[in-house]
Amino acid sequence: MEADFGRRAEENIFKTPMIQMVDCPSYYGCLIDFPDVESAQVYETDGCGLDIPQGIRVLDIQQGLYSFLATCCQKLLHDIPKPWGAEFPIQLASPIKVGQQYIHKMFADAAKTTPYHARSSLDVTRLRDLISELCGSAKDHMWALREDPEYFAEFVLAQKEHT
């Protein structure tokens, strides 16, 4: 009798509707009723659906996150009128020319072109530290080649493969 009650309780759990959590916009968050226990178990195991309490919790968290992100976007894009959306296409910022140099409005543009610009002054201290580190690394490598036969063999084989 107890085993039968447990089986019926399990069937009732899976026969209750589940909330669909797949990425289909028209059916996301909808309730689905299953005809049998096996299909409901497979659906839940595959991560396509959740039982009602868990599904409501997930939808509530997503709503809070969406509200937070929408508020952040509104604060970042405060100069665009409120009904923003598809009618406001993305506008690329053009650089401003001041004298002979371009000043970029966007950080991404500046980051792309910075490696190709000359520095305003040479940082000799940083350059000296870099060279001393490279020399120290080369010395360590030479000593390891001389003292460690296994390291020497690995290095020779690696050089043979690359040539």
C-alpha atoms as a PDB file:
ATOM      1  CA  MET A   1       0.000   0.000   0.000  1.00  0.00           C
ATOM      2  CA  GLU A   2       2.828   2.448   0.872  1.00  0.00           C
ATOM      3  CA  ALA A   3       4.702   1.669  -2.371  1.00  0.00           C
ATOM      4  CA  ASP A   4       1.542   2.354  -4.356  1.00  0.00           C
ATOM      5  CA  PHE A   5       1.077   5.687  -2.563  1.00  0.00           C
ATOM      6  CA  GLY A   6       4.700   6.687  -3.318  1.00  0.00           C
ATOM      7  CA  ARG A   7       4.278   5.826  -7.005  1.00  0.00           C
ATOM      8  CA  ARG A   8       1.041   7.817  -7.223  1.00  0.00           C
ATOM      9  CA  ALA A   9       2.677  10.779  -5.480  1.00  0.00           C
ATOM     10  CA  GLU A  10       5.546  10.649  -8.001  1.00  0.00           C
ATOM     11  CA  GLU A  11       3.092  10.492 -10.891  1.00  0.00           C
ATOM     12  CA  ASN A  12       1.185  13.475  -9.486  1.00  0.00           C
ATOM     13  CA  ILE A  13       4.400  15.485  -9.255  1.00  0.00           C
ATOM     14  CA  PHE A  14       5.169  14.914 -12.921  1.00  0.00           C
ATOM     15  CA  LYS A  15       1.593  15.241 -14.131  1.00  0.00           C
ATOM     16  CA  THR A  16       1.387  18.750 -12.764  1.00  0.00           C
ATOM     17  CA  PRO A  17       2.278  21.357 -15.354  1.00  0.00           C
ATOM     18  CA  MET A  18       5.893  22.393 -15.781  1.00  0.00           C
ATOM     19  CA  ILE A  19       7.261  25.752 -16.867  1.00  0.00           C
ATOM     20  CA  GLN A  20       9.064  25.640 -20.206  1.00  0.00           C
ATOM     21  CA  MET A  21      12.559  27.155 -19.984  1.00  0.00           C
ATOM     22  CA  VAL A  22      13.911  26.692 -23.525  1.00  0.00           C
ATOM     23  CA  ASP A  23      15.033  29.596 -25.697  1.00  0.00           C
ATOM     24  CA  CYS A  24      11.875  29.850 -27.806  1.00  0.00           C
ATOM     25  CA  PRO A  25      10.564  33.394 -27.211  1.00  0.00           C
ATOM     26  CA  SER A  26       6.940  32.571 -27.972  1.00  0.00           C
ATOM     27  CA  TYR A  27       6.764  29.622 -25.517  1.00  0.00           C
ATOM     28  CA  TYR A  28       9.317  30.620 -22.848  1.00  0.00           C
ATOM     29  CA  GLY A  29       7.755  30.540 -19.389  1.00  0.00           C
ATOM     30  CA  CYS A  30       4.560  28.799 -20.562  1.00  0.00           C
ATOM     31  CA  LEU A  31       2.951  25.931 -18.668  1.00  0.00           C
ATOM     32  CA  ILE A  32       3.146  22.492 -20.273  1.00  0.00           C
ATOM     33  CA  ASP A  33       1.079  19.456 -19.276  1.00  0.00           C
ATOM     34  CA  PHE A  34       2.569  15.991 -19.849  1.00  0.00           C
ATOM     35  CA  PRO A  35       0.567  12.840 -20.627  1.00  0.00           C
ATOM     36  CA  ASP A  36       2.995  10.451 -18.918  1.00  0.00           C
ATOM     37  CA  VAL A  37       5.677  10.417 -16.245  1.00  0.00           C
ATOM     38  CA  GLU A  38       8.539   9.386 -18.544  1.00  0.00           C
ATOM     39  CA  SER A  39       8.226  12.326 -20.928  1.00  0.00           C
ATOM     40  CA  ALA A  40       8.036  14.768 -18.004  1.00  0.00           C
ATOM     41  CA  GLN A  41      11.141  13.249 -16.404  1.00  0.00           C
ATOM     42  CA  VAL A  42      13.083  13.437 -19.684  1.00  0.00           C
ATOM     43  CA  TYR A  43      11.971  17.032 -20.222  1.00  0.00           C
ATOM     44  CA  GLU A  44      13.084  18.057 -16.735  1.00  0.00           C
ATOM     45  CA  THR A  45      16.336  16.074 -16.889  1.00  0.00           C
ATOM     46  CA  ASP A  46      17.289  17.702 -20.205  1.00  0.00           C
ATOM     47  CA  GLY A  47      16.959  21.123 -18.583  1.00  0.00           C
ATOM     48  CA  CYS A  48      14.117  22.234 -20.841  1.00  0.00           C
ATOM     49  CA  GLY A  49      11.624  22.726 -18.033  1.00  0.00           C
ATOM     50  CA  LEU A  50      11.221  23.213 -14.311  1.00  0.00           C
ATOM     51  CA  ASP A  51       8.489  22.430 -11.867  1.00  0.00           C
ATOM     52  CA  ILE A  52       6.264  25.374 -11.007  1.00  0.00           C
ATOM     53  CA  PRO A  53       7.959  26.651  -7.794  1.00  0.00           C
ATOM     54  CA  GLN A  54      11.450  26.490  -9.309  1.00  0.00           C
ATOM     55  CA  GLY A  55      10.252  27.947 -12.609  1.00  0.00           C
ATOM     56  CA  ILE A  56       8.566  30.890 -10.896  1.00  0.00           C
ATOM     57  CA  ARG A  57      11.723  31.504  -8.858  1.00  0.00           C
ATOM     58  CA  VAL A  58      13.874  31.505 -12.028  1.00  0.00           C
ATOM     59  CA  LEU A  59      11.458  33.801 -13.876  1.00  0.00           C
ATOM     60  CA  ASP A  60      11.396  36.182 -10.886  1.00  0.00           C
ATOM     61  CA  ILE A  61      15.210  36.321 -10.775  1.00  0.00           C
ATOM     62  CA  GLN A  62      15.356  36.905 -14.536  1.00  0.00           C
ATOM     63  CA  GLN A  63      12.799  39.710 -14.271  1.00  0.00           C
ATOM     64  CA  GLY A  64      14.866  41.427 -11.572  1.00  0.00           C
ATOM     65  CA  LEU A  65      18.042  41.033 -13.610  1.00  0.00           C
ATOM     66  CA  TYR A  66      16.327  42.358 -16.736  1.00  0.00           C
ATOM     67  CA  SER A  67      15.000  45.377 -14.818  1.00  0.00           C
ATOM     68  CA  PHE A  68      18.478  46.092 -13.451  1.00  0.00           C
ATOM     69  CA  LEU A  69      20.106  45.843 -16.898  1.00  0.00           C
ATOM     70  CA  ALA A  70      17.401  48.004 -18.501  1.00  0.00           C
ATOM     71  CA  THR A  71      17.938  50.659 -15.805  1.00  0.00           C
ATOM     72  CA  CYS A  72      21.703  50.550 -16.414  1.00  0.00           C
ATOM     73  CA  CYS A  73      21.152  51.008 -20.158  1.00  0.00           C
ATOM     74  CA  GLN A  74      18.787  53.926 -19.565  1.00  0.00           C
ATOM     75  CA  LYS A  75      21.347  55.623 -17.324  1.00  0.00           C
ATOM     76  CA  LEU A  76      24.165  55.020 -19.806  1.00  0.00           C
ATOM     77  CA  LEU A  77      22.081  56.151 -22.778  1.00  0.00           C
ATOM     78  CA  HIS A  78      20.387  59.064 -21.024  1.00  0.00           C
ATOM     79  CA  ASP A  79      20.784  61.357 -24.032  1.00  0.00           C
ATOM     80  CA  ILE A  80      18.540  59.142 -26.193  1.00  0.00           C
ATOM     81  CA  PRO A  81      14.780  59.794 -25.781  1.00  0.00           C
ATOM     82  CA  LYS A  82      12.797  57.258 -23.719  1.00  0.00           C
ATOM     83  CA  PRO A  83      11.093  55.194 -26.446  1.00  0.00           C
ATOM     84  CA  TRP A  84      14.457  53.851 -27.612  1.00  0.00           C
ATOM     85  CA  GLY A  85      14.811  50.719 -29.602  1.00  0.00           C
ATOM     86  CA  ALA A  86      15.157  49.768 -33.252  1.00  0.00           C
ATOM     87  CA  GLU A  87      14.373  53.292 -34.466  1.00  0.00           C
ATOM     88  CA  PHE A  88      17.700  54.481 -33.010  1.00  0.00           C
ATOM     89  CA  PRO A  89      20.438  52.670 -34.955  1.00  0.00           C
ATOM     90  CA  ILE A  90      23.954  52.311 -33.580  1.00  0.00           C
ATOM     91  CA  GLN A  91      26.021  55.329 -34.571  1.00  0.00           C
ATOM     92  CA  LEU A  92      29.759  55.012 -34.935  1.00  0.00           C
ATOM     93  CA  ALA A  93      31.704  57.805 -33.293  1.00  0.00           C
ATOM     94  CA  SER A  94      34.083  59.629 -35.593  1.00  0.00           C
ATOM     95  CA  PRO A  95      37.414  60.870 -34.256  1.00  0.00           C
ATOM     96  CA  ILE A  96      37.873  64.577 -33.608  1.00  0.00           C
ATOM     97  CA  LYS A  97      40.887  66.144 -35.301  1.00  0.00           C
ATOM     98  CA  VAL A  98      42.812  68.564 -33.092  1.00  0.00           C
ATOM     99  CA  GLY A  99      45.858  69.959 -34.851  1.00  0.00           C
ATOM    100  CA  GLN A 100      47.671  67.011 -36.397  1.00  0.00           C
ATOM    101  CA  GLN A 101      46.352  64.392 -33.949  1.00  0.00           C
ATOM    102  CA  TYR A 102      43.056  62.556 -33.795  1.00  0.00           C
ATOM    103  CA  ILE A 103      41.269  62.311 -30.470  1.00  0.00           C
ATOM    104  CA  HIS A 104      38.994  59.290 -30.349  1.00  0.00           C
ATOM    105  CA  LYS A 105      35.565  59.478 -28.776  1.00  0.00           C
ATOM    106  CA  MET A 106      35.460  55.745 -28.138  1.00  0.00           C
ATOM    107  CA  PHE A 107      37.950  53.846 -25.986  1.00  0.00           C
ATOM    108  CA  ALA A 108      37.788  50.843 -28.339  1.00  0.00           C
ATOM    109  CA  ASP A 109      39.077  52.953 -31.229  1.00  0.00           C
ATOM    110  CA  ALA A 110      41.914  54.286 -29.119  1.00  0.00           C
ATOM    111  CA  ALA A 111      42.825  50.785 -27.942  1.00  0.00           C
ATOM    112  CA  LYS A 112      43.004  49.548 -31.545  1.00  0.00           C
ATOM    113  CA  THR A 113      45.287  52.322 -32.764  1.00  0.00           C
ATOM    114  CA  THR A 114      47.505  52.826 -29.695  1.00  0.00           C
ATOM    115  CA  PRO A 115      50.108  50.166 -30.608  1.00  0.00           C
ATOM    116  CA  TYR A 116      50.783  51.995 -33.877  1.00  0.00           C
ATOM    117  CA  HIS A 117      51.487  55.415 -32.336  1.00  0.00           C
ATOM    118  CA  ALA A 118      54.904  56.523 -31.139  1.00  0.00           C
ATOM    119  CA  ARG A 119      55.297  57.197 -27.435  1.00  0.00           C
ATOM    120  CA  SER A 120      55.661  60.774 -26.352  1.00  0.00           C
ATOM    121  CA  SER A 121      58.719  59.937 -24.221  1.00  0.00           C
ATOM    122  CA  LEU A 122      60.976  56.927 -23.879  1.00  0.00           C
ATOM    123  CA  ASP A 123      60.760  55.170 -20.505  1.00  0.00           C
ATOM    124  CA  VAL A 124      64.411  54.181 -20.091  1.00  0.00           C
ATOM    125  CA  THR A 125      63.945  52.659 -16.632  1.00  0.00           C
ATOM    126  CA  ARG A 126      61.210  50.321 -17.840  1.00  0.00           C
ATOM    127  CA  LEU A 127      63.258  49.397 -20.912  1.00  0.00           C
ATOM    128  CA  ARG A 128      66.333  48.650 -18.747  1.00  0.00           C
ATOM    129  CA  ASP A 129      64.244  46.435 -16.428  1.00  0.00           C
ATOM    130  CA  LEU A 130      62.815  44.555 -19.413  1.00  0.00           C
ATOM    131  CA  ILE A 131      66.262  43.922 -20.891  1.00  0.00           C
ATOM    132  CA  SER A 132      67.684  42.765 -17.555  1.00  0.00           C
ATOM    133  CA  GLU A 133      64.754  40.340 -17.160  1.00  0.00           C
ATOM    134  CA  LEU A 134      65.361  38.974 -20.659  1.00  0.00           C
ATOM    135  CA  CYS A 135      69.077  38.553 -19.921  1.00  0.00           C
ATOM    136  CA  GLY A 136      68.317  36.772 -16.653  1.00  0.00           C
ATOM    137  CA  SER A 137      65.871  34.466 -18.404  1.00  0.00           C
ATOM    138  CA  ALA A 138      68.430  33.678 -21.116  1.00  0.00           C
ATOM    139  CA  LYS A 139      71.096  32.906 -18.481  1.00  0.00           C
ATOM    140  CA  ASP A 140      68.713  30.575 -16.634  1.00  0.00           C
ATOM    141  CA  HIS A 141      67.880  28.829 -19.900  1.00  0.00           C
ATOM    142  CA  MET A 142      71.577  28.343 -20.755  1.00  0.00           C
ATOM    143  CA  TRP A 143      72.359  26.951 -17.290  1.00  0.00           C
ATOM    144  CA  ALA A 144      69.388  24.571 -17.520  1.00  0.00           C
ATOM    145  CA  LEU A 145      70.581  23.342 -20.932  1.00  0.00           C
ATOM    146  CA  ARG A 146      74.060  22.758 -19.507  1.00  0.00           C
ATOM    147  CA  GLU A 147      73.073  21.114 -16.210  1.00  0.00           C
ATOM    148  CA  ASP A 148      69.856  19.184 -16.982  1.00  0.00           C
ATOM    149  CA  PRO A 149      70.179  16.493 -19.700  1.00  0.00           C
ATOM    150  CA  GLU A 150      66.418  15.892 -19.824  1.00  0.00           C
ATOM    151  CA  TYR A 151      65.730  19.609 -20.363  1.00  0.00           C
ATOM    152  CA  PHE A 152      68.419  19.650 -23.075  1.00  0.00           C
ATOM    153  CA  ALA A 153      66.854  16.635 -24.854  1.00  0.00           C
ATOM    154  CA  GLU A 154      63.352  18.160 -24.722  1.00  0.00           C
ATOM    155  CA  PHE A 155      64.663  21.470 -26.058  1.00  0.00           C
ATOM    156  CA  VAL A 156      66.563  19.818 -28.930  1.00  0.00           C
ATOM    157  CA  LEU A 157      63.519  17.720 -29.905  1.00  0.00           C
ATOM    158  CA  ALA A 158      61.259  20.768 -29.779  1.00  0.00           C
ATOM    159  CA  GLN A 159      63.659  22.745 -31.984  1.00  0.00           C
ATOM    160  CA  LYS A 160      63.899  19.808 -34.396  1.00  0.00           C
ATOM    161  CA  GLU A 161      60.090  19.697 -34.751  1.00  0.00           C
ATOM    162  CA  HIS A 162      59.847  23.437 -35.445  1.00  0.00           C
ATOM    163  CA  THR A 163      62.554  23.538 -38.140  1.00  0.00           C
END
